Amino acid sequence: MPIVSESEYKGNPMIVLKNSEEDKFPFQFGLKKAKLILESIEEIKKFVEKHEQ
């Protein structure tokens, strides 16, 4: 299960996703990209299903 936290970059809120506490390269993004991900969630799910095999 991913580890989810929040941080800040230049005064802007960021969400940070890690595979583990030792993850050196977390996936992090701000509000604008979070909204884009939410608007595209069905396409992202299809992409994962297509390439997961």
PDB file of N, CA and C in Angstrom:
ATOM      1  N   MET A   1       0.850  -1.182   0.000  1.00  0.00           N
ATOM      2  CA  MET A   1       0.000   0.000   0.000  1.00  0.00           C
ATOM      3  C   MET A   1       0.891   1.239   0.000  1.00  0.00           C
ATOM      4  N   PRO A   2       0.595   2.179  -0.887  1.00  0.00           N
ATOM      5  CA  PRO A   2       1.430   3.382  -0.958  1.00  0.00           C
ATOM      6  C   PRO A   2       1.320   4.251   0.307  1.00  0.00           C
ATOM      7  N   ILE A   3       2.346   5.010   0.517  1.00  0.00           N
ATOM      8  CA  ILE A   3       2.363   5.984   1.604  1.00  0.00           C
ATOM      9  C   ILE A   3       2.043   7.339   0.985  1.00  0.00           C
ATOM     10  N   VAL A   4       1.012   7.988   1.499  1.00  0.00           N
ATOM     11  CA  VAL A   4       0.554   9.259   0.949  1.00  0.00           C
ATOM     12  C   VAL A   4       0.733  10.346   1.993  1.00  0.00           C
ATOM     13  N   SER A   5       1.338  11.460   1.566  1.00  0.00           N
ATOM     14  CA  SER A   5       1.503  12.602   2.463  1.00  0.00           C
ATOM     15  C   SER A   5       1.372  13.890   1.656  1.00  0.00           C
ATOM     16  N   GLU A   6       1.418  14.988   2.339  1.00  0.00           N
ATOM     17  CA  GLU A   6       1.375  16.290   1.683  1.00  0.00           C
ATOM     18  C   GLU A   6       2.654  17.052   2.001  1.00  0.00           C
ATOM     19  N   SER A   7       3.051  17.900   1.064  1.00  0.00           N
ATOM     20  CA  SER A   7       4.188  18.780   1.290  1.00  0.00           C
ATOM     21  C   SER A   7       3.875  20.108   0.606  1.00  0.00           C
ATOM     22  N   GLU A   8       4.889  20.921   0.491  1.00  0.00           N
ATOM     23  CA  GLU A   8       4.714  22.241  -0.109  1.00  0.00           C
ATOM     24  C   GLU A   8       5.924  22.557  -0.970  1.00  0.00           C
ATOM     25  N   TYR A   9       5.685  23.207  -2.091  1.00  0.00           N
ATOM     26  CA  TYR A   9       6.770  23.638  -2.967  1.00  0.00           C
ATOM     27  C   TYR A   9       6.498  25.073  -3.397  1.00  0.00           C
ATOM     28  N   LYS A  10       7.373  25.969  -3.021  1.00  0.00           N
ATOM     29  CA  LYS A  10       7.226  27.391  -3.329  1.00  0.00           C
ATOM     30  C   LYS A  10       5.848  27.921  -2.942  1.00  0.00           C
ATOM     31  N   GLY A  11       5.379  27.490  -1.779  1.00  0.00           N
ATOM     32  CA  GLY A  11       4.101  27.962  -1.251  1.00  0.00           C
ATOM     33  C   GLY A  11       2.880  27.251  -1.812  1.00  0.00           C
ATOM     34  N   ASN A  12       3.080  26.255  -2.677  1.00  0.00           N
ATOM     35  CA  ASN A  12       1.960  25.533  -3.272  1.00  0.00           C
ATOM     36  C   ASN A  12       1.855  24.131  -2.667  1.00  0.00           C
ATOM     37  N   PRO A  13       0.628  23.669  -2.415  1.00  0.00           N
ATOM     38  CA  PRO A  13       0.460  22.332  -1.844  1.00  0.00           C
ATOM     39  C   PRO A  13       0.808  21.249  -2.852  1.00  0.00           C
ATOM     40  N   MET A  14       1.421  20.172  -2.344  1.00  0.00           N
ATOM     41  CA  MET A  14       1.797  19.022  -3.164  1.00  0.00           C
ATOM     42  C   MET A  14       1.309  17.755  -2.472  1.00  0.00           C
ATOM     43  N   ILE A  15       0.950  16.752  -3.266  1.00  0.00           N
ATOM     44  CA  ILE A  15       0.665  15.426  -2.729  1.00  0.00           C
ATOM     45  C   ILE A  15       1.849  14.542  -3.092  1.00  0.00           C
ATOM     46  N   VAL A  16       2.271  13.705  -2.153  1.00  0.00           N
ATOM     47  CA  VAL A  16       3.466  12.881  -2.335  1.00  0.00           C
ATOM     48  C   VAL A  16       3.069  11.415  -2.152  1.00  0.00           C
ATOM     49  N   LEU A  17       3.386  10.581  -3.160  1.00  0.00           N
ATOM     50  CA  LEU A  17       3.084   9.153  -3.123  1.00  0.00           C
ATOM     51  C   LEU A  17       4.400   8.376  -3.116  1.00  0.00           C
ATOM     52  N   LYS A  18       4.553   7.489  -2.127  1.00  0.00           N
ATOM     53  CA  LYS A  18       5.768   6.679  -2.008  1.00  0.00           C
ATOM     54  C   LYS A  18       5.390   5.208  -1.956  1.00  0.00           C
ATOM     55  N   ASN A  19       6.265   4.349  -2.512  1.00  0.00           N
ATOM     56  CA  ASN A  19       6.081   2.898  -2.404  1.00  0.00           C
ATOM     57  C   ASN A  19       6.450   2.413  -1.011  1.00  0.00           C
ATOM     58  N   SER A  20       7.396   3.105  -0.356  1.00  0.00           N
ATOM     59  CA  SER A  20       7.837   2.766   0.997  1.00  0.00           C
ATOM     60  C   SER A  20       8.482   4.001   1.604  1.00  0.00           C
ATOM     61  N   GLU A  21       8.775   3.941   2.881  1.00  0.00           N
ATOM     62  CA  GLU A  21       9.444   5.064   3.541  1.00  0.00           C
ATOM     63  C   GLU A  21      10.823   5.325   2.949  1.00  0.00           C
ATOM     64  N   GLU A  22      11.462   4.277   2.414  1.00  0.00           N
ATOM     65  CA  GLU A  22      12.802   4.398   1.853  1.00  0.00           C
ATOM     66  C   GLU A  22      12.802   4.847   0.388  1.00  0.00           C
ATOM     67  N   ASP A  23      11.631   5.044  -0.186  1.00  0.00           N
ATOM     68  CA  ASP A  23      11.511   5.431  -1.593  1.00  0.00           C
ATOM     69  C   ASP A  23      12.259   6.743  -1.842  1.00  0.00           C
ATOM     70  N   LYS A  24      13.309   6.691  -2.671  1.00  0.00           N
ATOM     71  CA  LYS A  24      14.126   7.873  -2.930  1.00  0.00           C
ATOM     72  C   LYS A  24      13.534   8.772  -4.003  1.00  0.00           C
ATOM     73  N   PHE A  25      12.600   8.243  -4.801  1.00  0.00           N
ATOM     74  CA  PHE A  25      12.015   9.008  -5.899  1.00  0.00           C
ATOM     75  C   PHE A  25      10.491   8.969  -5.838  1.00  0.00           C
ATOM     76  N   PRO A  26       9.902   9.681  -4.872  1.00  0.00           N
ATOM     77  CA  PRO A  26       8.446   9.662  -4.754  1.00  0.00           C
ATOM     78  C   PRO A  26       7.785  10.369  -5.941  1.00  0.00           C
ATOM     79  N   PHE A  27       6.536  10.005  -6.177  1.00  0.00           N
ATOM     80  CA  PHE A  27       5.721  10.630  -7.212  1.00  0.00           C
ATOM     81  C   PHE A  27       4.989  11.778  -6.530  1.00  0.00           C
ATOM     82  N   GLN A  28       5.240  12.999  -6.974  1.00  0.00           N
ATOM     83  CA  GLN A  28       4.600  14.141  -6.332  1.00  0.00           C
ATOM     84  C   GLN A  28       4.098  15.128  -7.370  1.00  0.00           C
ATOM     85  N   PHE A  29       2.965  15.753  -7.044  1.00  0.00           N
ATOM     86  CA  PHE A  29       2.356  16.695  -7.977  1.00  0.00           C
ATOM     87  C   PHE A  29       1.440  17.637  -7.204  1.00  0.00           C
ATOM     88  N   GLY A  30       1.095  18.730  -7.872  1.00  0.00           N
ATOM     89  CA  GLY A  30       0.275  19.747  -7.248  1.00  0.00           C
ATOM     90  C   GLY A  30      -1.184  19.652  -7.641  1.00  0.00           C
ATOM     91  N   LEU A  31      -1.934  20.667  -7.276  1.00  0.00           N
ATOM     92  CA  LEU A  31      -3.380  20.696  -7.461  1.00  0.00           C
ATOM     93  C   LEU A  31      -3.781  20.643  -8.938  1.00  0.00           C
ATOM     94  N   LYS A  32      -3.093  21.379  -9.793  1.00  0.00           N
ATOM     95  CA  LYS A  32      -3.443  21.403 -11.216  1.00  0.00           C
ATOM     96  C   LYS A  32      -3.321  20.013 -11.837  1.00  0.00           C
ATOM     97  N   LYS A  33      -2.225  19.314 -11.552  1.00  0.00           N
ATOM     98  CA  LYS A  33      -2.047  17.966 -12.096  1.00  0.00           C
ATOM     99  C   LYS A  33      -2.978  16.969 -11.416  1.00  0.00           C
ATOM    100  N   ALA A  34      -3.276  17.167 -10.138  1.00  0.00           N
ATOM    101  CA  ALA A  34      -4.219  16.286  -9.441  1.00  0.00           C
ATOM    102  C   ALA A  34      -5.595  16.362 -10.108  1.00  0.00           C
ATOM    103  N   LYS A  35      -6.023  17.558 -10.458  1.00  0.00           N
ATOM    104  CA  LYS A  35      -7.311  17.719 -11.154  1.00  0.00           C
ATOM    105  C   LYS A  35      -7.277  17.036 -12.516  1.00  0.00           C
ATOM    106  N   LEU A  36      -6.166  17.162 -13.234  1.00  0.00           N
ATOM    107  CA  LEU A  36      -6.011  16.521 -14.541  1.00  0.00           C
ATOM    108  C   LEU A  36      -6.088  14.995 -14.406  1.00  0.00           C
ATOM    109  N   ILE A  37      -5.453  14.449 -13.372  1.00  0.00           N
ATOM    110  CA  ILE A  37      -5.502  13.011 -13.126  1.00  0.00           C
ATOM    111  C   ILE A  37      -6.939  12.579 -12.843  1.00  0.00           C
ATOM    112  N   LEU A  38      -7.643  13.312 -12.001  1.00  0.00           N
ATOM    113  CA  LEU A  38      -9.023  12.953 -11.685  1.00  0.00           C
ATOM    114  C   LEU A  38      -9.917  12.987 -12.923  1.00  0.00           C
ATOM    115  N   GLU A  39      -9.708  13.959 -13.792  1.00  0.00           N
ATOM    116  CA  GLU A  39     -10.498  14.056 -15.021  1.00  0.00           C
ATOM    117  C   GLU A  39     -10.177  12.920 -15.993  1.00  0.00           C
ATOM    118  N   SER A  40      -9.005  12.308 -15.847  1.00  0.00           N
ATOM    119  CA  SER A  40      -8.543  11.269 -16.778  1.00  0.00           C
ATOM    120  C   SER A  40      -8.502   9.888 -16.143  1.00  0.00           C
ATOM    121  N   ILE A  41      -9.097   9.706 -14.971  1.00  0.00           N
ATOM    122  CA  ILE A  41      -8.920   8.475 -14.203  1.00  0.00           C
ATOM    123  C   ILE A  41      -9.367   7.227 -14.962  1.00  0.00           C
ATOM    124  N   GLU A  42     -10.443   7.295 -15.728  1.00  0.00           N
ATOM    125  CA  GLU A  42     -10.907   6.117 -16.471  1.00  0.00           C
ATOM    126  C   GLU A  42      -9.899   5.715 -17.538  1.00  0.00           C
ATOM    127  N   GLU A  43      -9.312   6.678 -18.231  1.00  0.00           N
ATOM    128  CA  GLU A  43      -8.299   6.385 -19.241  1.00  0.00           C
ATOM    129  C   GLU A  43      -7.038   5.810 -18.599  1.00  0.00           C
ATOM    130  N   ILE A  44      -6.694   6.303 -17.424  1.00  0.00           N
ATOM    131  CA  ILE A  44      -5.535   5.786 -16.695  1.00  0.00           C
ATOM    132  C   ILE A  44      -5.779   4.330 -16.298  1.00  0.00           C
ATOM    133  N   LYS A  45      -6.981   4.022 -15.826  1.00  0.00           N
ATOM    134  CA  LYS A  45      -7.319   2.647 -15.461  1.00  0.00           C
ATOM    135  C   LYS A  45      -7.218   1.729 -16.674  1.00  0.00           C
ATOM    136  N   LYS A  46      -7.732   2.165 -17.819  1.00  0.00           N
ATOM    137  CA  LYS A  46      -7.656   1.371 -19.044  1.00  0.00           C
ATOM    138  C   LYS A  46      -6.202   1.137 -19.452  1.00  0.00           C
ATOM    139  N   PHE A  47      -5.365   2.158 -19.324  1.00  0.00           N
ATOM    140  CA  PHE A  47      -3.942   2.047 -19.645  1.00  0.00           C
ATOM    141  C   PHE A  47      -3.277   0.980 -18.778  1.00  0.00           C
ATOM    142  N   VAL A  48      -3.549   1.019 -17.483  1.00  0.00           N
ATOM    143  CA  VAL A  48      -2.963   0.049 -16.551  1.00  0.00           C
ATOM    144  C   VAL A  48      -3.423  -1.363 -16.909  1.00  0.00           C
ATOM    145  N   GLU A  49      -4.723  -1.537 -17.146  1.00  0.00           N
ATOM    146  CA  GLU A  49      -5.241  -2.849 -17.498  1.00  0.00           C
ATOM    147  C   GLU A  49      -4.615  -3.381 -18.785  1.00  0.00           C
ATOM    148  N   LYS A  50      -4.460  -2.514 -19.762  1.00  0.00           N
ATOM    149  CA  LYS A  50      -3.894  -2.911 -21.052  1.00  0.00           C
ATOM    150  C   LYS A  50      -2.438  -3.381 -20.926  1.00  0.00           C
ATOM    151  N   HIS A  51      -1.667  -2.695 -20.101  1.00  0.00           N
ATOM    152  CA  HIS A  51      -0.231  -2.959 -20.044  1.00  0.00           C
ATOM    153  C   HIS A  51       0.205  -3.783 -18.831  1.00  0.00           C
ATOM    154  N   GLU A  52      -0.732  -4.168 -17.995  1.00  0.00           N
ATOM    155  CA  GLU A  52      -0.383  -4.905 -16.784  1.00  0.00           C
ATOM    156  C   GLU A  52       0.006  -6.352 -17.061  1.00  0.00           C
ATOM    157  N   GLN A  53      -0.501  -6.935 -18.136  1.00  0.00           N
ATOM    158  CA  GLN A  53      -0.183  -8.344 -18.424  1.00  0.00           C
ATOM    159  C   GLN A  53       1.216  -8.479 -18.802  1.00  0.00           C
TER     160      GLN A  53
END
